[in-house]
Amino acid sequence: MKMFIITSIREDMQAVTGIFEKAGIPVFSVSDTIGHKADHDDYLLSNWFGRNQEETAALLFFSFTEDEKADQALKLVKDFNEQKQSLFPVRAFILPVLAASY
């Protein structure tokens, strides 16, 4: 079992929801979050949260799922980012679940 996590800007909510569905992950959670970046580079492309902004409205998605589904979802995120070429790419992570209460 893996924990699959995505962070994105609010504008990508439908796309991220579609990624979970395409990967066969029907159950996931979504939370509002605020992204912060303390150091502001002069180079806009290296700054995840944009130039001269202290915080950005973002979303945190997560699900506990099978290894294969997490791998497929990560591939879909990579494909999405390649196609969209956004200043705010979707970020995805897979974490191992070492133990569970069920």
Protein backbone atom coordinates (compact mmCIF):
# COMPACT_ATOMS: atom_id res chain seq x y z
CA MET A 1 0.00 0.00 0.00
CA LYS A 2 1.13 3.54 -0.78
CA MET A 3 0.07 7.04 0.14
CA PHE A 4 -0.26 9.08 -3.03
CA ILE A 5 -0.10 12.85 -2.57
CA ILE A 6 -0.65 15.71 -5.01
CA THR A 7 -0.28 19.44 -4.44
CA SER A 8 -1.60 21.88 -7.01
CA ILE A 9 -2.99 25.33 -7.47
CA ARG A 10 -6.76 25.61 -7.17
CA GLU A 11 -7.17 26.18 -10.91
CA ASP A 12 -5.98 22.61 -11.61
CA MET A 13 -8.57 20.94 -9.36
CA GLN A 14 -10.57 19.33 -12.18
CA ALA A 15 -7.43 18.08 -13.93
CA VAL A 16 -6.11 16.52 -10.72
CA THR A 17 -9.47 14.91 -9.97
CA GLY A 18 -9.33 13.43 -13.47
CA ILE A 19 -5.87 12.02 -12.78
CA PHE A 20 -7.17 10.14 -9.73
CA GLU A 21 -10.10 8.79 -11.76
CA LYS A 22 -7.93 7.73 -14.74
CA ALA A 23 -5.53 5.94 -12.39
CA GLY A 24 -8.42 3.98 -10.88
CA ILE A 25 -8.26 5.71 -7.49
CA PRO A 26 -11.93 6.42 -6.73
CA VAL A 27 -11.50 7.52 -3.10
CA PHE A 28 -9.29 10.45 -2.14
CA SER A 29 -9.29 13.46 0.16
CA VAL A 30 -8.81 17.13 -0.70
CA SER A 31 -7.82 19.94 1.64
CA ASP A 32 -7.34 23.65 1.14
CA THR A 33 -3.83 24.75 1.90
CA ILE A 34 -1.75 27.88 1.57
CA GLY A 35 1.69 27.65 -0.01
CA HIS A 36 4.47 29.83 1.35
CA LYS A 37 7.90 30.58 -0.02
CA ALA A 38 10.27 32.61 2.11
CA ASP A 39 12.98 33.40 -0.43
CA HIS A 40 11.97 35.19 -3.60
CA ASP A 41 14.27 34.69 -6.54
CA ASP A 42 14.42 37.35 -9.21
CA TYR A 43 13.94 34.56 -11.74
CA LEU A 44 10.19 33.86 -11.93
CA LEU A 45 10.45 30.32 -13.32
CA SER A 46 12.39 29.08 -10.31
CA ASN A 47 9.74 30.32 -7.88
CA TRP A 48 6.89 27.80 -7.33
CA PHE A 49 4.55 30.42 -5.83
CA GLY A 50 5.20 33.26 -8.25
CA ARG A 51 7.13 36.47 -7.98
CA ASN A 52 6.53 38.86 -5.08
CA GLN A 53 3.80 36.73 -3.54
CA GLU A 54 4.05 35.50 0.00
CA GLU A 55 1.27 32.92 -0.21
CA THR A 56 -0.77 31.05 -2.79
CA ALA A 57 -4.12 29.28 -2.50
CA ALA A 58 -3.45 25.62 -3.19
CA LEU A 59 -4.94 22.17 -2.73
CA LEU A 60 -3.57 19.02 -1.14
CA PHE A 61 -4.96 15.70 -2.42
CA PHE A 62 -4.13 12.32 -0.91
CA SER A 63 -5.21 8.71 -1.05
CA PHE A 64 -4.10 5.36 0.30
CA THR A 65 -3.96 3.01 -2.67
CA GLU A 66 -2.29 0.02 -4.30
CA ASP A 67 1.27 0.38 -5.60
CA GLU A 68 0.28 0.02 -9.26
CA LYS A 69 -2.41 2.71 -9.04
CA ALA A 70 -0.03 5.13 -7.34
CA ASP A 71 2.57 4.49 -10.05
CA GLN A 72 -0.03 5.06 -12.78
CA ALA A 73 -1.21 8.30 -11.15
CA LEU A 74 2.39 9.57 -10.92
CA LYS A 75 2.86 8.86 -14.63
CA LEU A 76 -0.35 10.77 -15.41
CA VAL A 77 0.90 13.75 -13.40
CA LYS A 78 4.18 13.75 -15.32
CA ASP A 79 2.26 13.60 -18.63
CA PHE A 80 -0.03 16.44 -17.51
CA ASN A 81 2.92 18.66 -16.59
CA GLU A 82 4.67 17.98 -19.91
CA GLN A 83 1.54 18.93 -21.86
CA LYS A 84 0.56 21.98 -19.81
CA GLN A 85 4.01 23.59 -19.33
CA SER A 86 2.74 25.68 -16.41
CA LEU A 87 4.63 28.00 -14.11
CA PHE A 88 2.80 26.07 -11.35
CA PRO A 89 3.24 22.37 -12.15
CA VAL A 90 1.29 19.73 -10.27
CA ARG A 91 3.55 18.07 -7.69
CA ALA A 92 3.07 14.39 -6.83
CA PHE A 93 4.64 12.07 -4.28
CA ILE A 94 4.40 8.39 -3.41
CA LEU A 95 5.11 7.39 0.18
CA PRO A 96 5.25 3.84 1.55
CA VAL A 97 2.72 2.85 4.19
CA LEU A 98 4.62 0.71 6.68
CA ALA A 99 1.69 -0.19 8.89
CA ALA A 100 -2.04 0.38 9.18
CA SER A 101 -4.68 -0.08 11.85
CA TYR A 102 -6.84 -2.39 9.72
